[in-house]
Amino acid sequence: MSATDEYLAAVRRRLFLLDSKTRAAIITELRGHIAEAAQSAAGDEAAALAHLDPPATLARAYRQIYRPSPWAIVLLGLGAVLLAFASLPGLVGEVGAAIGYAALAAYILWGAIMTGRRSGLQLAGYAFAFRLVGLGFQFMEADPGTEFVWEDFGAFLAASALLLVIGYLPGEVRRRREGAERGPSL
């Protein structure tokens, strides 16, 4: 495997959330740029690769331009739904729910960083909705004499709404940082 092939394979692996056609187009475009740069450097492939960003940096830039594939969002959403149910106190106990909530928040944060603000909000929205659905099922299954505590419900809603903030913030911070790096437009 040539150095170009190794570099492109490293970029391709980091673009796993994009659909296959977009990934293939990006790799084809990069291969052409590397070939042109090598040709202008008297055929020196290593010199052409030395001027490129590391694969992780380049892949991050492409992930900011292209949206993840719908299947990637569905699979990420499924993970958020499963973790949302794992964060319900009635199913796993209070300690288990705290651990499940922490895992859910970390998962949404990771998803928002990897896919951007819009997809991060989708993941958080799935988690929020399914936490409410799960709580509704728990309430329906509760003994008829179980007392409903509004303060606990308020805390549950606040914790669930915090997931929306967690899904939104990484993409928004990145958007503002990129705007600051570009500077004012004239």
C-alpha atoms as a PDB file:
ATOM      1  CA  MET A   1       0.000   0.000   0.000  1.00  0.00           C
ATOM      2  CA  SER A   2       1.423   3.363  -1.013  1.00  0.00           C
ATOM      3  CA  ALA A   3       1.703   6.346   1.320  1.00  0.00           C
ATOM      4  CA  THR A   4      -1.152   8.008  -0.577  1.00  0.00           C
ATOM      5  CA  ASP A   5      -3.359   4.947  -0.117  1.00  0.00           C
ATOM      6  CA  GLU A   6      -2.550   4.857   3.615  1.00  0.00           C
ATOM      7  CA  TYR A   7      -3.364   8.559   3.969  1.00  0.00           C
ATOM      8  CA  LEU A   8      -6.651   8.207   2.063  1.00  0.00           C
ATOM      9  CA  ALA A   9      -7.604   5.106   4.064  1.00  0.00           C
ATOM     10  CA  ALA A  10      -7.057   7.081   7.282  1.00  0.00           C
ATOM     11  CA  VAL A  11      -9.302   9.890   5.987  1.00  0.00           C
ATOM     12  CA  ARG A  12     -11.953   7.393   4.802  1.00  0.00           C
ATOM     13  CA  ARG A  13     -12.089   5.726   8.239  1.00  0.00           C
ATOM     14  CA  ARG A  14     -12.765   9.078   9.878  1.00  0.00           C
ATOM     15  CA  LEU A  15     -15.620   9.836   7.471  1.00  0.00           C
ATOM     16  CA  PHE A  16     -17.629   6.797   8.558  1.00  0.00           C
ATOM     17  CA  LEU A  17     -20.756   8.881   9.319  1.00  0.00           C
ATOM     18  CA  LEU A  18     -21.048  10.169   5.747  1.00  0.00           C
ATOM     19  CA  ASP A  19     -22.864   8.204   3.063  1.00  0.00           C
ATOM     20  CA  SER A  20     -20.738   6.015   0.798  1.00  0.00           C
ATOM     21  CA  LYS A  21     -21.185   8.146  -2.352  1.00  0.00           C
ATOM     22  CA  THR A  22     -20.048  11.313  -0.577  1.00  0.00           C
ATOM     23  CA  ARG A  23     -17.120   9.451   0.986  1.00  0.00           C
ATOM     24  CA  ALA A  24     -16.071   8.052  -2.412  1.00  0.00           C
ATOM     25  CA  ALA A  25     -16.296  11.505  -4.041  1.00  0.00           C
ATOM     26  CA  ILE A  26     -14.154  13.034  -1.297  1.00  0.00           C
ATOM     27  CA  ILE A  27     -11.505  10.319  -1.612  1.00  0.00           C
ATOM     28  CA  THR A  28     -11.468  10.651  -5.423  1.00  0.00           C
ATOM     29  CA  GLU A  29     -11.062  14.423  -5.126  1.00  0.00           C
ATOM     30  CA  LEU A  30      -8.251  14.070  -2.588  1.00  0.00           C
ATOM     31  CA  ARG A  31      -6.478  11.461  -4.731  1.00  0.00           C
ATOM     32  CA  GLY A  32      -6.548  13.929  -7.636  1.00  0.00           C
ATOM     33  CA  HIS A  33      -5.165  16.775  -5.483  1.00  0.00           C
ATOM     34  CA  ILE A  34      -2.371  14.548  -4.186  1.00  0.00           C
ATOM     35  CA  ALA A  35      -1.506  13.416  -7.740  1.00  0.00           C
ATOM     36  CA  GLU A  36      -1.381  17.041  -8.940  1.00  0.00           C
ATOM     37  CA  ALA A  37       0.765  18.087  -5.970  1.00  0.00           C
ATOM     38  CA  ALA A  38       3.121  15.143  -6.520  1.00  0.00           C
ATOM     39  CA  GLN A  39       3.405  15.991 -10.213  1.00  0.00           C
ATOM     40  CA  SER A  40       4.302  19.600  -9.426  1.00  0.00           C
ATOM     41  CA  ALA A  41       6.869  18.315  -6.879  1.00  0.00           C
ATOM     42  CA  ALA A  42       8.686  16.312  -9.583  1.00  0.00           C
ATOM     43  CA  GLY A  43       6.766  13.153  -8.744  1.00  0.00           C
ATOM     44  CA  ASP A  44       7.639  13.219  -5.039  1.00  0.00           C
ATOM     45  CA  GLU A  45       4.618  11.674  -3.324  1.00  0.00           C
ATOM     46  CA  ALA A  46       6.053  12.227   0.163  1.00  0.00           C
ATOM     47  CA  ALA A  47       6.475  15.957  -0.506  1.00  0.00           C
ATOM     48  CA  ALA A  48       2.891  16.190  -1.712  1.00  0.00           C
ATOM     49  CA  LEU A  49       1.580  14.434   1.407  1.00  0.00           C
ATOM     50  CA  ALA A  50       3.736  16.555   3.707  1.00  0.00           C
ATOM     51  CA  HIS A  51       1.772  19.662   2.745  1.00  0.00           C
ATOM     52  CA  LEU A  52      -1.598  18.143   3.621  1.00  0.00           C
ATOM     53  CA  ASP A  53      -3.353  18.411   6.960  1.00  0.00           C
ATOM     54  CA  PRO A  54      -3.373  15.295   9.137  1.00  0.00           C
ATOM     55  CA  PRO A  55      -6.204  12.881   8.233  1.00  0.00           C
ATOM     56  CA  ALA A  56      -8.146  13.668  11.429  1.00  0.00           C
ATOM     57  CA  THR A  57      -8.085  17.420  10.731  1.00  0.00           C
ATOM     58  CA  LEU A  58      -9.066  16.987   7.091  1.00  0.00           C
ATOM     59  CA  ALA A  59     -11.882  14.571   7.940  1.00  0.00           C
ATOM     60  CA  ARG A  60     -13.189  16.969  10.594  1.00  0.00           C
ATOM     61  CA  ALA A  61     -13.355  19.732   7.981  1.00  0.00           C
ATOM     62  CA  TYR A  62     -15.318  17.497   5.608  1.00  0.00           C
ATOM     63  CA  ARG A  63     -17.701  16.435   8.388  1.00  0.00           C
ATOM     64  CA  GLN A  64     -18.453  20.108   8.962  1.00  0.00           C
ATOM     65  CA  ILE A  65     -19.333  20.572   5.305  1.00  0.00           C
ATOM     66  CA  TYR A  66     -21.341  17.395   4.684  1.00  0.00           C
ATOM     67  CA  ARG A  67     -24.226  16.101   6.787  1.00  0.00           C
ATOM     68  CA  PRO A  68     -24.114  12.558   8.089  1.00  0.00           C
ATOM     69  CA  SER A  69     -26.026   9.935   6.165  1.00  0.00           C
ATOM     70  CA  PRO A  70     -29.644   9.352   7.226  1.00  0.00           C
ATOM     71  CA  TRP A  71     -28.732   5.822   8.315  1.00  0.00           C
ATOM     72  CA  ALA A  72     -26.002   7.170  10.580  1.00  0.00           C
ATOM     73  CA  ILE A  73     -28.526   9.485  12.231  1.00  0.00           C
ATOM     74  CA  VAL A  74     -30.998   6.611  12.645  1.00  0.00           C
ATOM     75  CA  LEU A  75     -28.345   4.404  14.253  1.00  0.00           C
ATOM     76  CA  LEU A  76     -27.135   7.217  16.501  1.00  0.00           C
ATOM     77  CA  GLY A  77     -30.758   7.959  17.391  1.00  0.00           C
ATOM     78  CA  LEU A  78     -31.334   4.313  18.287  1.00  0.00           C
ATOM     79  CA  GLY A  79     -28.389   4.493  20.677  1.00  0.00           C
ATOM     80  CA  ALA A  80     -29.849   7.637  22.253  1.00  0.00           C
ATOM     81  CA  VAL A  81     -33.238   5.941  22.671  1.00  0.00           C
ATOM     82  CA  LEU A  82     -31.716   2.866  24.325  1.00  0.00           C
ATOM     83  CA  LEU A  83     -29.652   5.003  26.673  1.00  0.00           C
ATOM     84  CA  ALA A  84     -32.719   7.147  27.416  1.00  0.00           C
ATOM     85  CA  PHE A  85     -34.540   4.088  28.722  1.00  0.00           C
ATOM     86  CA  ALA A  86     -31.417   3.073  30.672  1.00  0.00           C
ATOM     87  CA  SER A  87     -31.556   6.442  32.431  1.00  0.00           C
ATOM     88  CA  LEU A  88     -35.038   5.942  33.912  1.00  0.00           C
ATOM     89  CA  PRO A  89     -35.017   5.519  37.704  1.00  0.00           C
ATOM     90  CA  GLY A  90     -37.982   3.132  37.730  1.00  0.00           C
ATOM     91  CA  LEU A  91     -36.211   0.672  35.454  1.00  0.00           C
ATOM     92  CA  VAL A  92     -32.667   0.606  36.795  1.00  0.00           C
ATOM     93  CA  GLY A  93     -32.858   2.241  40.234  1.00  0.00           C
ATOM     94  CA  GLU A  94     -31.538   5.630  41.221  1.00  0.00           C
ATOM     95  CA  VAL A  95     -27.818   4.815  40.986  1.00  0.00           C
ATOM     96  CA  GLY A  96     -28.300   3.004  37.680  1.00  0.00           C
ATOM     97  CA  ALA A  97     -30.325   5.936  36.382  1.00  0.00           C
ATOM     98  CA  ALA A  98     -27.559   8.374  37.336  1.00  0.00           C
ATOM     99  CA  ILE A  99     -24.992   6.253  35.508  1.00  0.00           C
ATOM    100  CA  GLY A 100     -27.370   5.842  32.553  1.00  0.00           C
ATOM    101  CA  TYR A 101     -27.995   9.597  32.426  1.00  0.00           C
ATOM    102  CA  ALA A 102     -24.258  10.332  32.495  1.00  0.00           C
ATOM    103  CA  ALA A 103     -23.722   7.829  29.668  1.00  0.00           C
ATOM    104  CA  LEU A 104     -26.628   9.371  27.721  1.00  0.00           C
ATOM    105  CA  ALA A 105     -25.293  12.910  28.165  1.00  0.00           C
ATOM    106  CA  ALA A 106     -21.786  11.809  27.079  1.00  0.00           C
ATOM    107  CA  TYR A 107     -23.240   9.987  24.072  1.00  0.00           C
ATOM    108  CA  ILE A 108     -25.230  13.041  22.977  1.00  0.00           C
ATOM    109  CA  LEU A 109     -22.192  15.263  23.483  1.00  0.00           C
ATOM    110  CA  TRP A 110     -20.071  12.914  21.367  1.00  0.00           C
ATOM    111  CA  GLY A 111     -22.794  12.746  18.703  1.00  0.00           C
ATOM    112  CA  ALA A 112     -23.113  16.536  18.583  1.00  0.00           C
ATOM    113  CA  ILE A 113     -19.352  16.986  18.269  1.00  0.00           C
ATOM    114  CA  MET A 114     -19.113  14.365  15.523  1.00  0.00           C
ATOM    115  CA  THR A 115     -22.171  15.385  13.511  1.00  0.00           C
ATOM    116  CA  GLY A 116     -22.891  19.037  14.280  1.00  0.00           C
ATOM    117  CA  ARG A 117     -25.580  21.093  15.940  1.00  0.00           C
ATOM    118  CA  ARG A 118     -28.601  19.928  13.951  1.00  0.00           C
ATOM    119  CA  SER A 119     -27.894  16.218  14.406  1.00  0.00           C
ATOM    120  CA  GLY A 120     -26.920  16.749  18.040  1.00  0.00           C
ATOM    121  CA  LEU A 121     -30.302  18.353  18.626  1.00  0.00           C
ATOM    122  CA  GLN A 122     -31.985  15.411  16.887  1.00  0.00           C
ATOM    123  CA  LEU A 123     -30.248  12.949  19.202  1.00  0.00           C
ATOM    124  CA  ALA A 124     -31.150  15.020  22.238  1.00  0.00           C
ATOM    125  CA  GLY A 125     -34.744  15.322  21.009  1.00  0.00           C
ATOM    126  CA  TYR A 126     -35.005  11.537  20.658  1.00  0.00           C
ATOM    127  CA  ALA A 127     -33.627  11.073  24.163  1.00  0.00           C
ATOM    128  CA  PHE A 128     -35.930  13.746  25.616  1.00  0.00           C
ATOM    129  CA  ALA A 129     -39.027  12.276  23.978  1.00  0.00           C
ATOM    130  CA  PHE A 130     -38.258   8.692  24.894  1.00  0.00           C
ATOM    131  CA  ARG A 131     -37.428   9.580  28.486  1.00  0.00           C
ATOM    132  CA  LEU A 132     -40.928  11.102  28.713  1.00  0.00           C
ATOM    133  CA  VAL A 133     -42.491   8.071  27.010  1.00  0.00           C
ATOM    134  CA  GLY A 134     -40.638   5.750  29.384  1.00  0.00           C
ATOM    135  CA  LEU A 135     -41.752   7.776  32.380  1.00  0.00           C
ATOM    136  CA  GLY A 136     -45.336   7.628  31.106  1.00  0.00           C
ATOM    137  CA  PHE A 137     -45.140   3.842  30.857  1.00  0.00           C
ATOM    138  CA  GLN A 138     -43.687   3.667  34.351  1.00  0.00           C
ATOM    139  CA  PHE A 139     -46.510   5.816  35.667  1.00  0.00           C
ATOM    140  CA  MET A 140     -49.137   3.655  33.963  1.00  0.00           C
ATOM    141  CA  GLU A 141     -47.565   0.521  35.462  1.00  0.00           C
ATOM    142  CA  ALA A 142     -47.347   2.000  38.975  1.00  0.00           C
ATOM    143  CA  ASP A 143     -49.615   0.833  41.760  1.00  0.00           C
ATOM    144  CA  PRO A 144     -52.905   2.765  41.911  1.00  0.00           C
ATOM    145  CA  GLY A 145     -51.996   4.219  45.302  1.00  0.00           C
ATOM    146  CA  THR A 146     -48.622   5.609  44.156  1.00  0.00           C
ATOM    147  CA  GLU A 147     -48.370   9.317  44.876  1.00  0.00           C
ATOM    148  CA  PHE A 148     -47.259  11.616  42.050  1.00  0.00           C
ATOM    149  CA  VAL A 149     -44.558  14.022  43.267  1.00  0.00           C
ATOM    150  CA  TRP A 150     -44.458  17.197  41.200  1.00  0.00           C
ATOM    151  CA  GLU A 151     -41.001  18.190  42.436  1.00  0.00           C
ATOM    152  CA  ASP A 152     -39.546  14.904  41.200  1.00  0.00           C
ATOM    153  CA  PHE A 153     -41.307  15.340  37.874  1.00  0.00           C
ATOM    154  CA  GLY A 154     -39.908  18.882  37.592  1.00  0.00           C
ATOM    155  CA  ALA A 155     -36.390  17.627  38.259  1.00  0.00           C
ATOM    156  CA  PHE A 156     -36.899  14.874  35.681  1.00  0.00           C
ATOM    157  CA  LEU A 157     -38.075  17.425  33.084  1.00  0.00           C
ATOM    158  CA  ALA A 158     -35.173  19.758  33.865  1.00  0.00           C
ATOM    159  CA  ALA A 159     -32.651  16.930  33.493  1.00  0.00           C
ATOM    160  CA  SER A 160     -34.299  15.867  30.236  1.00  0.00           C
ATOM    161  CA  ALA A 161     -34.306  19.444  28.895  1.00  0.00           C
ATOM    162  CA  LEU A 162     -30.620  19.733  29.762  1.00  0.00           C
ATOM    163  CA  LEU A 163     -30.010  17.037  27.156  1.00  0.00           C
ATOM    164  CA  LEU A 164     -31.276  19.466  24.499  1.00  0.00           C
ATOM    165  CA  VAL A 165     -28.698  22.018  25.621  1.00  0.00           C
ATOM    166  CA  ILE A 166     -25.990  19.349  25.558  1.00  0.00           C
ATOM    167  CA  GLY A 167     -27.001  18.450  21.997  1.00  0.00           C
ATOM    168  CA  TYR A 168     -27.004  22.067  20.842  1.00  0.00           C
ATOM    169  CA  LEU A 169     -23.932  23.628  22.436  1.00  0.00           C
ATOM    170  CA  PRO A 170     -20.989  21.823  20.756  1.00  0.00           C
ATOM    171  CA  GLY A 171     -22.177  22.716  17.264  1.00  0.00           C
ATOM    172  CA  GLU A 172     -22.984  26.284  18.255  1.00  0.00           C
ATOM    173  CA  VAL A 173     -19.594  26.778  19.904  1.00  0.00           C
ATOM    174  CA  ARG A 174     -17.866  25.406  16.818  1.00  0.00           C
ATOM    175  CA  ARG A 175     -19.942  27.654  14.527  1.00  0.00           C
ATOM    176  CA  ARG A 176     -19.092  30.774  16.532  1.00  0.00           C
ATOM    177  CA  ARG A 177     -15.416  29.837  16.806  1.00  0.00           C
ATOM    178  CA  GLU A 178     -15.194  29.351  13.047  1.00  0.00           C
ATOM    179  CA  GLY A 179     -16.888  32.702  12.508  1.00  0.00           C
ATOM    180  CA  ALA A 180     -14.365  34.382  14.816  1.00  0.00           C
ATOM    181  CA  GLU A 181     -11.450  32.708  13.002  1.00  0.00           C
ATOM    182  CA  ARG A 182     -12.677  33.992   9.645  1.00  0.00           C
ATOM    183  CA  GLY A 183     -12.933  37.499  10.962  1.00  0.00           C
ATOM    184  CA  PRO A 184     -15.364  40.132   9.767  1.00  0.00           C
ATOM    185  CA  SER A 185     -16.377  39.988   6.138  1.00  0.00           C
ATOM    186  CA  LEU A 186     -15.836  43.117   4.093  1.00  0.00           C
END
